[in-house]
Amino acid sequence: MMGSMNVVLLGTYTGVVLTLLATPGPVVALVCAAAARGNHARAFLTLAGTNLASLVLIALAGLTLAGVVTISAWLLNLVGLAGSLFIAISAVQALRVLRQEKSNEMSRNGGQGGFVAGFMTAIANPKDILFFIAFFPQFTGIIGDFSASIMLLTAIWVVLDCSVLTLYILAVKHWLPTRQSGRFAALSSLILLLTGVSGAGYSLLLFLSHQA
């Protein structure tokens, strides 16, 4: 039987997820950068990519808890290294486009964000990896049935993830002055570059330590 729901644990999970999603990080920076450049369709594609990455991490966490798969630490570090390098390279490309500013069309639609960029950024986001590996398992007892708990936790994450990032996109769209959009996009790209470089360095050190 499914069993009763642990309302306290559910409330705690909801609060933790909201805090995690609302705290600025590489995912928020990427989504806001796309929105700042006026490309709201690309911003929502970025959102979709980050959401899919979260679903992949949830699936891996669930399969690991169920004993179906085993994820080694060095593999996680390798994924983090590849993702961090992707974030850094994407940030450099975006900054180059912003510097060129040959036309308004290029400034608004140059390669910032997108489904693939959103997925890669989220899948390598240290915040998300830490949450799903270390904290997510603590909430799988919300309902007596393991599968039902995972489904409920996943549904809550998807709804909150989409809602919070949509609010960021709408906030940038309605409240950011047009003349400041270029600077905001550049700042977001610099944050992504810093995140990518620091994440790559940290992942590389961990990977080398596991190989030693």
N, C-alpha and C. Protein backbone atom coordinates (compact mmCIF):
# COMPACT_ATOMS: atom_id res chain seq x y z
N MET A 1 0.83 -1.20 0.00
CA MET A 1 0.00 0.00 0.00
C MET A 1 0.87 1.25 0.00
N MET A 2 0.25 2.36 -0.48
CA MET A 2 1.02 3.59 -0.64
C MET A 2 1.37 4.20 0.71
N GLY A 3 0.45 4.17 1.66
CA GLY A 3 0.75 4.74 2.97
C GLY A 3 0.42 6.22 3.01
N SER A 4 0.49 6.79 4.21
CA SER A 4 0.16 8.21 4.39
C SER A 4 1.33 9.09 3.97
N MET A 5 1.00 10.35 3.73
CA MET A 5 2.01 11.29 3.28
C MET A 5 2.61 12.02 4.48
N ASN A 6 3.92 12.18 4.45
CA ASN A 6 4.63 12.93 5.48
C ASN A 6 4.62 14.41 5.06
N VAL A 7 3.65 15.14 5.62
CA VAL A 7 3.45 16.53 5.22
C VAL A 7 4.65 17.41 5.62
N VAL A 8 5.22 17.15 6.77
CA VAL A 8 6.36 17.93 7.24
C VAL A 8 7.55 17.76 6.29
N LEU A 9 7.82 16.52 5.90
CA LEU A 9 8.93 16.24 4.99
C LEU A 9 8.65 16.86 3.62
N LEU A 10 7.40 16.81 3.19
CA LEU A 10 7.02 17.41 1.92
C LEU A 10 7.24 18.92 1.94
N GLY A 11 6.84 19.56 3.05
CA GLY A 11 7.04 21.00 3.17
C GLY A 11 8.51 21.38 3.19
N THR A 12 9.30 20.56 3.87
CA THR A 12 10.74 20.81 3.92
C THR A 12 11.36 20.70 2.54
N TYR A 13 10.98 19.66 1.79
CA TYR A 13 11.48 19.45 0.44
C TYR A 13 11.11 20.64 -0.45
N THR A 14 9.86 21.09 -0.37
CA THR A 14 9.42 22.22 -1.19
C THR A 14 10.22 23.47 -0.87
N GLY A 15 10.46 23.72 0.42
CA GLY A 15 11.23 24.89 0.81
C GLY A 15 12.67 24.81 0.34
N VAL A 16 13.28 23.64 0.47
CA VAL A 16 14.67 23.46 0.04
C VAL A 16 14.79 23.66 -1.46
N VAL A 17 13.86 23.09 -2.23
CA VAL A 17 13.90 23.21 -3.69
C VAL A 17 13.73 24.67 -4.11
N LEU A 18 12.79 25.37 -3.49
CA LEU A 18 12.58 26.78 -3.81
C LEU A 18 13.84 27.61 -3.53
N THR A 19 14.47 27.34 -2.41
CA THR A 19 15.70 28.06 -2.06
C THR A 19 16.80 27.76 -3.06
N LEU A 20 16.92 26.50 -3.43
CA LEU A 20 17.95 26.08 -4.38
C LEU A 20 17.74 26.74 -5.73
N LEU A 21 16.50 26.74 -6.22
CA LEU A 21 16.20 27.27 -7.54
C LEU A 21 16.27 28.79 -7.59
N ALA A 22 15.86 29.45 -6.51
CA ALA A 22 15.82 30.91 -6.50
C ALA A 22 17.20 31.53 -6.32
N THR A 23 18.13 30.77 -5.72
CA THR A 23 19.49 31.28 -5.51
C THR A 23 20.20 31.42 -6.85
N PRO A 24 20.73 32.62 -7.17
CA PRO A 24 21.42 32.81 -8.46
C PRO A 24 22.58 31.85 -8.62
N GLY A 25 22.71 31.32 -9.82
CA GLY A 25 23.76 30.38 -10.16
C GLY A 25 23.91 30.33 -11.67
N PRO A 26 24.67 29.37 -12.19
CA PRO A 26 24.89 29.31 -13.64
C PRO A 26 23.62 29.14 -14.46
N VAL A 27 22.66 28.37 -13.97
CA VAL A 27 21.41 28.17 -14.71
C VAL A 27 20.63 29.48 -14.79
N VAL A 28 20.48 30.17 -13.66
CA VAL A 28 19.78 31.45 -13.64
C VAL A 28 20.49 32.47 -14.52
N ALA A 29 21.82 32.50 -14.45
CA ALA A 29 22.60 33.44 -15.26
C ALA A 29 22.38 33.19 -16.75
N LEU A 30 22.37 31.93 -17.16
CA LEU A 30 22.20 31.61 -18.58
C LEU A 30 20.81 32.00 -19.06
N VAL A 31 19.80 31.67 -18.29
CA VAL A 31 18.42 31.99 -18.67
C VAL A 31 18.22 33.50 -18.73
N CYS A 32 18.73 34.21 -17.74
CA CYS A 32 18.57 35.67 -17.71
C CYS A 32 19.34 36.35 -18.83
N ALA A 33 20.49 35.81 -19.19
CA ALA A 33 21.27 36.38 -20.28
C ALA A 33 20.51 36.28 -21.60
N ALA A 34 19.88 35.14 -21.84
CA ALA A 34 19.08 34.96 -23.06
C ALA A 34 17.90 35.92 -23.06
N ALA A 35 17.25 36.07 -21.90
CA ALA A 35 16.10 36.97 -21.80
C ALA A 35 16.52 38.43 -21.95
N ALA A 36 17.69 38.78 -21.42
CA ALA A 36 18.17 40.16 -21.48
C ALA A 36 18.44 40.61 -22.91
N ARG A 37 18.79 39.66 -23.76
CA ARG A 37 19.08 40.01 -25.15
C ARG A 37 17.83 40.00 -26.01
N GLY A 38 16.68 39.92 -25.37
CA GLY A 38 15.42 40.03 -26.08
C GLY A 38 14.94 38.76 -26.72
N ASN A 39 15.69 37.68 -26.59
CA ASN A 39 15.32 36.43 -27.25
C ASN A 39 14.60 35.55 -26.23
N HIS A 40 13.32 35.83 -26.02
CA HIS A 40 12.59 35.13 -24.97
C HIS A 40 12.27 33.68 -25.35
N ALA A 41 12.11 33.43 -26.65
CA ALA A 41 11.90 32.05 -27.10
C ALA A 41 13.12 31.21 -26.77
N ARG A 42 14.31 31.79 -26.98
CA ARG A 42 15.55 31.08 -26.66
C ARG A 42 15.70 30.90 -25.15
N ALA A 43 15.22 31.87 -24.39
CA ALA A 43 15.27 31.77 -22.93
C ALA A 43 14.42 30.59 -22.45
N PHE A 44 13.23 30.43 -23.05
CA PHE A 44 12.37 29.32 -22.64
C PHE A 44 12.91 27.98 -23.14
N LEU A 45 13.61 27.98 -24.28
CA LEU A 45 14.28 26.76 -24.73
C LEU A 45 15.39 26.38 -23.75
N THR A 46 16.09 27.39 -23.25
CA THR A 46 17.11 27.16 -22.23
C THR A 46 16.49 26.55 -20.98
N LEU A 47 15.35 27.09 -20.58
CA LEU A 47 14.62 26.56 -19.44
C LEU A 47 14.27 25.09 -19.64
N ALA A 48 13.80 24.75 -20.85
CA ALA A 48 13.44 23.36 -21.14
C ALA A 48 14.67 22.45 -21.05
N GLY A 49 15.81 22.93 -21.52
CA GLY A 49 17.03 22.14 -21.44
C GLY A 49 17.48 21.91 -20.02
N THR A 50 17.39 22.93 -19.18
CA THR A 50 17.78 22.77 -17.78
C THR A 50 16.83 21.82 -17.06
N ASN A 51 15.56 21.88 -17.43
CA ASN A 51 14.58 21.00 -16.79
C ASN A 51 14.83 19.54 -17.15
N LEU A 52 15.17 19.29 -18.40
CA LEU A 52 15.48 17.92 -18.82
C LEU A 52 16.70 17.40 -18.08
N ALA A 53 17.71 18.25 -17.91
CA ALA A 53 18.90 17.85 -17.17
C ALA A 53 18.55 17.46 -15.74
N SER A 54 17.64 18.21 -15.13
CA SER A 54 17.19 17.89 -13.77
C SER A 54 16.51 16.53 -13.73
N LEU A 55 15.70 16.25 -14.75
CA LEU A 55 15.02 14.96 -14.81
C LEU A 55 16.02 13.81 -14.94
N VAL A 56 17.09 14.04 -15.70
CA VAL A 56 18.13 13.02 -15.83
C VAL A 56 18.80 12.78 -14.48
N LEU A 57 19.11 13.86 -13.76
CA LEU A 57 19.75 13.72 -12.45
C LEU A 57 18.82 13.03 -11.45
N ILE A 58 17.52 13.35 -11.52
CA ILE A 58 16.55 12.69 -10.64
C ILE A 58 16.48 11.20 -10.96
N ALA A 59 16.46 10.87 -12.25
CA ALA A 59 16.39 9.47 -12.66
C ALA A 59 17.62 8.71 -12.17
N LEU A 60 18.80 9.32 -12.31
CA LEU A 60 20.03 8.67 -11.84
C LEU A 60 20.00 8.48 -10.33
N ALA A 61 19.51 9.50 -9.61
CA ALA A 61 19.42 9.38 -8.15
C ALA A 61 18.47 8.26 -7.76
N GLY A 62 17.32 8.19 -8.44
CA GLY A 62 16.35 7.15 -8.14
C GLY A 62 16.87 5.75 -8.45
N LEU A 63 17.52 5.60 -9.60
CA LEU A 63 18.07 4.30 -9.98
C LEU A 63 19.20 3.88 -9.04
N THR A 64 19.96 4.86 -8.57
CA THR A 64 21.04 4.55 -7.63
C THR A 64 20.47 4.08 -6.29
N LEU A 65 19.44 4.78 -5.81
CA LEU A 65 18.81 4.39 -4.55
C LEU A 65 18.15 3.03 -4.65
N ALA A 66 17.63 2.71 -5.85
CA ALA A 66 16.97 1.42 -6.05
C ALA A 66 17.97 0.29 -6.27
N GLY A 67 19.25 0.63 -6.36
CA GLY A 67 20.29 -0.38 -6.56
C GLY A 67 20.40 -0.86 -7.98
N VAL A 68 19.80 -0.13 -8.92
CA VAL A 68 19.84 -0.55 -10.33
C VAL A 68 21.17 -0.18 -10.96
N VAL A 69 21.66 1.01 -10.64
CA VAL A 69 22.94 1.47 -11.19
C VAL A 69 23.84 1.94 -10.06
N THR A 70 25.13 1.96 -10.35
CA THR A 70 26.12 2.47 -9.42
C THR A 70 26.92 3.55 -10.13
N ILE A 71 26.94 4.72 -9.55
CA ILE A 71 27.66 5.85 -10.15
C ILE A 71 28.93 6.10 -9.35
N SER A 72 30.06 5.97 -10.00
CA SER A 72 31.33 6.18 -9.31
C SER A 72 31.65 7.67 -9.22
N ALA A 73 32.42 8.02 -8.23
CA ALA A 73 32.77 9.42 -8.00
C ALA A 73 33.58 9.99 -9.15
N TRP A 74 34.48 9.18 -9.72
CA TRP A 74 35.32 9.70 -10.80
C TRP A 74 34.49 10.00 -12.05
N LEU A 75 33.43 9.23 -12.29
CA LEU A 75 32.57 9.49 -13.44
C LEU A 75 31.81 10.79 -13.27
N LEU A 76 31.32 11.04 -12.05
CA LEU A 76 30.66 12.31 -11.77
C LEU A 76 31.61 13.49 -11.97
N ASN A 77 32.84 13.31 -11.54
CA ASN A 77 33.83 14.38 -11.73
C ASN A 77 34.12 14.61 -13.20
N LEU A 78 34.16 13.53 -13.98
CA LEU A 78 34.43 13.66 -15.42
C LEU A 78 33.29 14.40 -16.11
N VAL A 79 32.06 14.06 -15.75
CA VAL A 79 30.90 14.76 -16.30
C VAL A 79 30.93 16.23 -15.91
N GLY A 80 31.26 16.49 -14.65
CA GLY A 80 31.35 17.87 -14.19
C GLY A 80 32.42 18.65 -14.93
N LEU A 81 33.56 18.00 -15.22
CA LEU A 81 34.65 18.65 -15.95
C LEU A 81 34.21 19.00 -17.37
N ALA A 82 33.58 18.05 -18.06
CA ALA A 82 33.12 18.29 -19.43
C ALA A 82 32.06 19.40 -19.47
N GLY A 83 31.13 19.34 -18.53
CA GLY A 83 30.09 20.36 -18.49
C GLY A 83 30.63 21.74 -18.16
N SER A 84 31.57 21.82 -17.25
CA SER A 84 32.17 23.10 -16.88
C SER A 84 32.93 23.71 -18.04
N LEU A 85 33.64 22.89 -18.79
CA LEU A 85 34.35 23.38 -19.97
C LEU A 85 33.36 23.90 -21.01
N PHE A 86 32.25 23.19 -21.16
CA PHE A 86 31.21 23.63 -22.10
C PHE A 86 30.66 24.99 -21.68
N ILE A 87 30.41 25.16 -20.38
CA ILE A 87 29.89 26.43 -19.87
C ILE A 87 30.89 27.56 -20.15
N ALA A 88 32.17 27.31 -19.88
CA ALA A 88 33.19 28.34 -20.08
C ALA A 88 33.31 28.73 -21.56
N ILE A 89 33.33 27.74 -22.43
CA ILE A 89 33.44 28.00 -23.87
C ILE A 89 32.23 28.76 -24.38
N SER A 90 31.04 28.38 -23.94
CA SER A 90 29.82 29.07 -24.34
C SER A 90 29.83 30.52 -23.87
N ALA A 91 30.34 30.75 -22.66
CA ALA A 91 30.40 32.11 -22.12
C ALA A 91 31.36 32.98 -22.94
N VAL A 92 32.49 32.40 -23.31
CA VAL A 92 33.47 33.14 -24.14
C VAL A 92 32.85 33.50 -25.49
N GLN A 93 32.16 32.57 -26.11
CA GLN A 93 31.51 32.83 -27.39
C GLN A 93 30.47 33.94 -27.26
N ALA A 94 29.69 33.90 -26.18
CA ALA A 94 28.67 34.93 -25.97
C ALA A 94 29.29 36.30 -25.77
N LEU A 95 30.40 36.36 -25.04
CA LEU A 95 31.08 37.64 -24.83
C LEU A 95 31.64 38.19 -26.13
N ARG A 96 32.12 37.31 -27.00
CA ARG A 96 32.62 37.76 -28.31
C ARG A 96 31.50 38.36 -29.14
N VAL A 97 30.36 37.72 -29.12
CA VAL A 97 29.21 38.25 -29.87
C VAL A 97 28.80 39.61 -29.33
N LEU A 98 28.78 39.74 -28.02
CA LEU A 98 28.40 41.01 -27.41
C LEU A 98 29.39 42.12 -27.74
N ARG A 99 30.64 41.78 -27.87
CA ARG A 99 31.66 42.78 -28.19
C ARG A 99 31.54 43.24 -29.62
N GLN A 100 31.19 42.33 -30.50
CA GLN A 100 31.11 42.68 -31.92
C GLN A 100 29.98 43.68 -32.17
N GLU A 101 28.80 43.34 -31.75
CA GLU A 101 27.64 44.23 -31.89
C GLU A 101 27.57 44.87 -33.28
N LYS A 102 27.68 44.03 -34.29
CA LYS A 102 27.64 44.54 -35.66
C LYS A 102 26.24 45.01 -36.05
N SER A 103 25.24 44.43 -35.41
CA SER A 103 23.86 44.83 -35.70
C SER A 103 22.99 44.48 -34.51
N ASN A 104 21.83 45.08 -34.42
CA ASN A 104 20.90 44.76 -33.35
C ASN A 104 20.48 43.31 -33.40
N GLU A 105 20.35 42.76 -34.61
CA GLU A 105 19.90 41.37 -34.76
C GLU A 105 20.91 40.43 -34.16
N MET A 106 22.20 40.72 -34.40
CA MET A 106 23.23 39.86 -33.83
C MET A 106 23.25 39.99 -32.32
N SER A 107 23.08 41.23 -31.84
CA SER A 107 23.13 41.44 -30.41
C SER A 107 21.98 40.73 -29.68
N ARG A 108 20.83 40.63 -30.36
CA ARG A 108 19.68 40.05 -29.72
C ARG A 108 19.62 38.53 -29.86
N ASN A 109 20.17 38.03 -30.95
CA ASN A 109 19.96 36.62 -31.22
C ASN A 109 21.24 35.79 -31.28
N GLY A 110 22.39 36.39 -30.93
CA GLY A 110 23.62 35.62 -30.95
C GLY A 110 23.57 34.46 -29.99
N GLY A 111 24.54 33.53 -30.15
CA GLY A 111 24.47 32.26 -29.45
C GLY A 111 24.58 32.32 -27.94
N GLN A 112 23.54 32.74 -27.29
CA GLN A 112 23.50 32.73 -25.83
C GLN A 112 22.28 31.92 -25.41
N GLY A 113 22.51 30.88 -24.64
CA GLY A 113 21.40 30.04 -24.22
C GLY A 113 21.03 29.03 -25.29
N GLY A 114 19.83 28.50 -25.18
CA GLY A 114 19.37 27.44 -26.08
C GLY A 114 19.21 26.15 -25.33
N PHE A 115 18.54 25.19 -25.96
CA PHE A 115 18.21 23.93 -25.30
C PHE A 115 19.46 23.17 -24.87
N VAL A 116 20.42 23.01 -25.80
CA VAL A 116 21.64 22.25 -25.50
C VAL A 116 22.46 22.95 -24.41
N ALA A 117 22.60 24.27 -24.54
CA ALA A 117 23.37 25.01 -23.54
C ALA A 117 22.71 24.90 -22.17
N GLY A 118 21.39 24.98 -22.13
CA GLY A 118 20.67 24.83 -20.87
C GLY A 118 20.88 23.46 -20.26
N PHE A 119 20.80 22.43 -21.09
CA PHE A 119 20.99 21.06 -20.59
C PHE A 119 22.39 20.86 -20.03
N MET A 120 23.40 21.27 -20.80
CA MET A 120 24.78 21.07 -20.38
C MET A 120 25.11 21.88 -19.13
N THR A 121 24.57 23.09 -19.05
CA THR A 121 24.83 23.92 -17.88
C THR A 121 24.23 23.30 -16.63
N ALA A 122 23.00 22.82 -16.73
CA ALA A 122 22.32 22.24 -15.57
C ALA A 122 22.90 20.89 -15.17
N ILE A 123 23.27 20.08 -16.15
CA ILE A 123 23.77 18.74 -15.84
C ILE A 123 25.12 18.81 -15.14
N ALA A 124 25.84 19.94 -15.36
CA ALA A 124 27.15 20.10 -14.72
C ALA A 124 27.11 21.08 -13.56
N ASN A 125 25.92 21.56 -13.21
CA ASN A 125 25.78 22.53 -12.13
C ASN A 125 26.10 21.86 -10.78
N PRO A 126 27.16 22.28 -10.12
CA PRO A 126 27.53 21.63 -8.84
C PRO A 126 26.40 21.65 -7.81
N LYS A 127 25.61 22.74 -7.80
CA LYS A 127 24.49 22.84 -6.87
C LYS A 127 23.50 21.70 -7.07
N ASP A 128 23.14 21.46 -8.33
CA ASP A 128 22.15 20.42 -8.64
C ASP A 128 22.70 19.03 -8.37
N ILE A 129 23.95 18.82 -8.76
CA ILE A 129 24.57 17.51 -8.55
C ILE A 129 24.62 17.18 -7.06
N LEU A 130 25.05 18.16 -6.25
CA LEU A 130 25.14 17.95 -4.81
C LEU A 130 23.75 17.67 -4.23
N PHE A 131 22.75 18.40 -4.69
CA PHE A 131 21.40 18.22 -4.15
C PHE A 131 20.88 16.82 -4.45
N PHE A 132 20.97 16.39 -5.70
CA PHE A 132 20.37 15.12 -6.07
C PHE A 132 21.16 13.91 -5.56
N ILE A 133 22.45 14.11 -5.34
CA ILE A 133 23.25 13.00 -4.83
C ILE A 133 23.21 12.92 -3.30
N ALA A 134 23.28 14.08 -2.64
CA ALA A 134 23.42 14.09 -1.19
C ALA A 134 22.11 14.34 -0.44
N PHE A 135 21.24 15.21 -0.98
CA PHE A 135 20.05 15.61 -0.22
C PHE A 135 18.76 14.97 -0.72
N PHE A 136 18.64 14.75 -2.00
CA PHE A 136 17.41 14.18 -2.56
C PHE A 136 17.01 12.85 -1.91
N PRO A 137 17.98 11.95 -1.65
CA PRO A 137 17.60 10.66 -1.04
C PRO A 137 16.91 10.80 0.31
N GLN A 138 17.14 11.91 1.02
CA GLN A 138 16.54 12.09 2.34
C GLN A 138 15.04 12.31 2.28
N PHE A 139 14.51 12.63 1.09
CA PHE A 139 13.09 12.95 0.97
C PHE A 139 12.27 11.85 0.30
N THR A 140 12.89 10.72 0.03
CA THR A 140 12.17 9.65 -0.67
C THR A 140 11.19 8.90 0.23
N GLY A 141 11.12 9.28 1.49
CA GLY A 141 10.17 8.65 2.40
C GLY A 141 8.90 9.45 2.59
N ILE A 142 8.64 10.40 1.69
CA ILE A 142 7.43 11.22 1.80
C ILE A 142 6.18 10.35 1.79
N ILE A 143 6.21 9.34 0.92
CA ILE A 143 5.11 8.37 0.86
C ILE A 143 5.72 7.00 1.09
N GLY A 144 4.96 6.10 1.68
CA GLY A 144 5.49 4.76 1.98
C GLY A 144 6.02 4.04 0.76
N ASP A 145 5.42 4.26 -0.40
CA ASP A 145 5.84 3.60 -1.63
C ASP A 145 6.97 4.39 -2.28
N PHE A 146 8.10 3.73 -2.56
CA PHE A 146 9.29 4.40 -3.10
C PHE A 146 9.01 5.03 -4.46
N SER A 147 8.39 4.28 -5.37
CA SER A 147 8.12 4.79 -6.71
C SER A 147 7.20 6.00 -6.68
N ALA A 148 6.16 5.93 -5.84
CA ALA A 148 5.23 7.05 -5.72
C ALA A 148 5.93 8.29 -5.17
N SER A 149 6.84 8.08 -4.23
CA SER A 149 7.59 9.20 -3.66
C SER A 149 8.44 9.88 -4.72
N ILE A 150 9.14 9.07 -5.52
CA ILE A 150 9.99 9.62 -6.58
C ILE A 150 9.15 10.41 -7.58
N MET A 151 7.99 9.89 -7.95
CA MET A 151 7.13 10.58 -8.91
C MET A 151 6.63 11.91 -8.34
N LEU A 152 6.26 11.92 -7.07
CA LEU A 152 5.79 13.15 -6.45
C LEU A 152 6.90 14.18 -6.34
N LEU A 153 8.08 13.74 -5.91
CA LEU A 153 9.22 14.65 -5.81
C LEU A 153 9.59 15.22 -7.17
N THR A 154 9.53 14.39 -8.20
CA THR A 154 9.85 14.84 -9.55
C THR A 154 8.84 15.87 -10.03
N ALA A 155 7.56 15.62 -9.80
CA ALA A 155 6.51 16.55 -10.22
C ALA A 155 6.68 17.91 -9.54
N ILE A 156 6.98 17.89 -8.24
CA ILE A 156 7.17 19.14 -7.50
C ILE A 156 8.36 19.90 -8.05
N TRP A 157 9.44 19.18 -8.32
CA TRP A 157 10.64 19.83 -8.87
C TRP A 157 10.34 20.48 -10.21
N VAL A 158 9.67 19.77 -11.11
CA VAL A 158 9.38 20.30 -12.45
C VAL A 158 8.54 21.57 -12.36
N VAL A 159 7.49 21.53 -11.53
CA VAL A 159 6.61 22.68 -11.40
C VAL A 159 7.36 23.89 -10.83
N LEU A 160 8.13 23.66 -9.77
CA LEU A 160 8.86 24.76 -9.14
C LEU A 160 9.98 25.27 -10.04
N ASP A 161 10.67 24.38 -10.72
CA ASP A 161 11.76 24.76 -11.61
C ASP A 161 11.24 25.66 -12.73
N CYS A 162 10.18 25.21 -13.39
CA CYS A 162 9.60 26.00 -14.48
C CYS A 162 9.06 27.33 -13.98
N SER A 163 8.42 27.33 -12.81
CA SER A 163 7.83 28.55 -12.28
C SER A 163 8.89 29.59 -11.92
N VAL A 164 9.92 29.16 -11.20
CA VAL A 164 10.96 30.09 -10.76
C VAL A 164 11.72 30.68 -11.95
N LEU A 165 12.12 29.85 -12.90
CA LEU A 165 12.87 30.35 -14.06
C LEU A 165 11.99 31.22 -14.95
N THR A 166 10.71 30.89 -15.05
CA THR A 166 9.80 31.74 -15.81
C THR A 166 9.68 33.12 -15.18
N LEU A 167 9.62 33.16 -13.85
CA LEU A 167 9.57 34.45 -13.15
C LEU A 167 10.83 35.26 -13.42
N TYR A 168 11.99 34.61 -13.47
CA TYR A 168 13.23 35.32 -13.80
C TYR A 168 13.16 35.90 -15.21
N ILE A 169 12.67 35.11 -16.17
CA ILE A 169 12.56 35.58 -17.55
C ILE A 169 11.62 36.77 -17.65
N LEU A 170 10.46 36.68 -17.01
CA LEU A 170 9.48 37.76 -17.05
C LEU A 170 10.00 39.01 -16.34
N ALA A 171 10.74 38.81 -15.25
CA ALA A 171 11.30 39.95 -14.52
C ALA A 171 12.31 40.70 -15.39
N VAL A 172 13.17 39.96 -16.07
CA VAL A 172 14.16 40.59 -16.96
C VAL A 172 13.44 41.29 -18.11
N LYS A 173 12.41 40.66 -18.65
CA LYS A 173 11.69 41.21 -19.79
C LYS A 173 10.97 42.51 -19.44
N HIS A 174 10.35 42.58 -18.28
CA HIS A 174 9.50 43.72 -17.95
C HIS A 174 10.21 44.82 -17.16
N TRP A 175 11.25 44.48 -16.41
CA TRP A 175 11.84 45.46 -15.51
C TRP A 175 13.26 45.88 -15.87
N LEU A 176 13.92 45.15 -16.75
CA LEU A 176 15.28 45.54 -17.12
C LEU A 176 15.22 46.59 -18.23
N PRO A 177 15.80 47.78 -17.99
CA PRO A 177 15.80 48.80 -19.05
C PRO A 177 16.52 48.30 -20.30
N THR A 178 15.98 48.63 -21.45
CA THR A 178 16.55 48.15 -22.72
C THR A 178 18.01 48.55 -22.86
N ARG A 179 18.35 49.77 -22.44
CA ARG A 179 19.72 50.25 -22.61
C ARG A 179 20.71 49.49 -21.73
N GLN A 180 20.19 48.79 -20.71
CA GLN A 180 21.06 48.05 -19.81
C GLN A 180 21.11 46.55 -20.14
N SER A 181 20.34 46.13 -21.14
CA SER A 181 20.26 44.70 -21.43
C SER A 181 21.60 44.12 -21.87
N GLY A 182 22.36 44.90 -22.65
CA GLY A 182 23.66 44.41 -23.10
C GLY A 182 24.62 44.21 -21.94
N ARG A 183 24.63 45.16 -21.01
CA ARG A 183 25.51 45.04 -19.84
C ARG A 183 25.09 43.86 -18.96
N PHE A 184 23.79 43.69 -18.81
CA PHE A 184 23.29 42.59 -17.99
C PHE A 184 23.67 41.25 -18.61
N ALA A 185 23.54 41.14 -19.95
CA ALA A 185 23.92 39.90 -20.63
C ALA A 185 25.41 39.64 -20.49
N ALA A 186 26.21 40.72 -20.57
CA ALA A 186 27.66 40.56 -20.42
C ALA A 186 28.02 40.11 -19.00
N LEU A 187 27.34 40.71 -18.01
CA LEU A 187 27.59 40.31 -16.62
C LEU A 187 27.22 38.85 -16.40
N SER A 188 26.08 38.43 -16.95
CA SER A 188 25.66 37.04 -16.83
C SER A 188 26.67 36.10 -17.48
N SER A 189 27.19 36.51 -18.63
CA SER A 189 28.18 35.68 -19.32
C SER A 189 29.48 35.59 -18.53
N LEU A 190 29.87 36.69 -17.88
CA LEU A 190 31.07 36.67 -17.04
C LEU A 190 30.88 35.74 -15.85
N ILE A 191 29.68 35.74 -15.28
CA ILE A 191 29.39 34.82 -14.17
C ILE A 191 29.49 33.37 -14.65
N LEU A 192 28.96 33.11 -15.85
CA LEU A 192 29.06 31.76 -16.42
C LEU A 192 30.51 31.37 -16.66
N LEU A 193 31.30 32.32 -17.17
CA LEU A 193 32.71 32.03 -17.44
C LEU A 193 33.45 31.69 -16.15
N LEU A 194 33.21 32.49 -15.11
CA LEU A 194 33.84 32.24 -13.82
C LEU A 194 33.42 30.89 -13.26
N THR A 195 32.13 30.60 -13.38
CA THR A 195 31.61 29.31 -12.90
C THR A 195 32.22 28.15 -13.66
N GLY A 196 32.30 28.29 -14.98
CA GLY A 196 32.87 27.22 -15.80
C GLY A 196 34.33 26.96 -15.50
N VAL A 197 35.11 28.03 -15.39
CA VAL A 197 36.55 27.88 -15.13
C VAL A 197 36.80 27.28 -13.74
N SER A 198 36.12 27.83 -12.73
CA SER A 198 36.32 27.31 -11.38
C SER A 198 35.81 25.88 -11.25
N GLY A 199 34.66 25.59 -11.89
CA GLY A 199 34.14 24.22 -11.86
C GLY A 199 35.05 23.24 -12.56
N ALA A 200 35.62 23.65 -13.68
CA ALA A 200 36.54 22.77 -14.41
C ALA A 200 37.79 22.49 -13.59
N GLY A 201 38.31 23.54 -12.95
CA GLY A 201 39.51 23.35 -12.13
C GLY A 201 39.26 22.42 -10.95
N TYR A 202 38.11 22.61 -10.31
CA TYR A 202 37.77 21.76 -9.16
C TYR A 202 37.55 20.31 -9.60
N SER A 203 36.82 20.12 -10.70
CA SER A 203 36.55 18.77 -11.19
C SER A 203 37.83 18.08 -11.63
N LEU A 204 38.73 18.85 -12.26
CA LEU A 204 39.99 18.27 -12.71
C LEU A 204 40.83 17.80 -11.53
N LEU A 205 40.88 18.61 -10.48
CA LEU A 205 41.64 18.22 -9.29
C LEU A 205 41.07 16.95 -8.66
N LEU A 206 39.75 16.88 -8.56
CA LEU A 206 39.12 15.69 -7.99
C LEU A 206 39.36 14.47 -8.88
N PHE A 207 39.25 14.67 -10.20
CA PHE A 207 39.47 13.56 -11.12
C PHE A 207 40.89 13.03 -11.02
N LEU A 208 41.86 13.93 -10.96
CA LEU A 208 43.26 13.50 -10.86
C LEU A 208 43.53 12.82 -9.52
N SER A 209 42.87 13.29 -8.46
CA SER A 209 43.07 12.66 -7.15
C SER A 209 42.54 11.24 -7.14
N HIS A 210 41.43 11.00 -7.87
CA HIS A 210 40.88 9.63 -7.93
C HIS A 210 41.74 8.70 -8.79
N GLN A 211 42.48 9.31 -9.74
CA GLN A 211 43.34 8.50 -10.60
C GLN A 211 44.68 8.18 -9.94
N ALA A 212 45.03 8.97 -8.93
CA ALA A 212 46.33 8.78 -8.27
C ALA A 212 46.35 7.50 -7.44
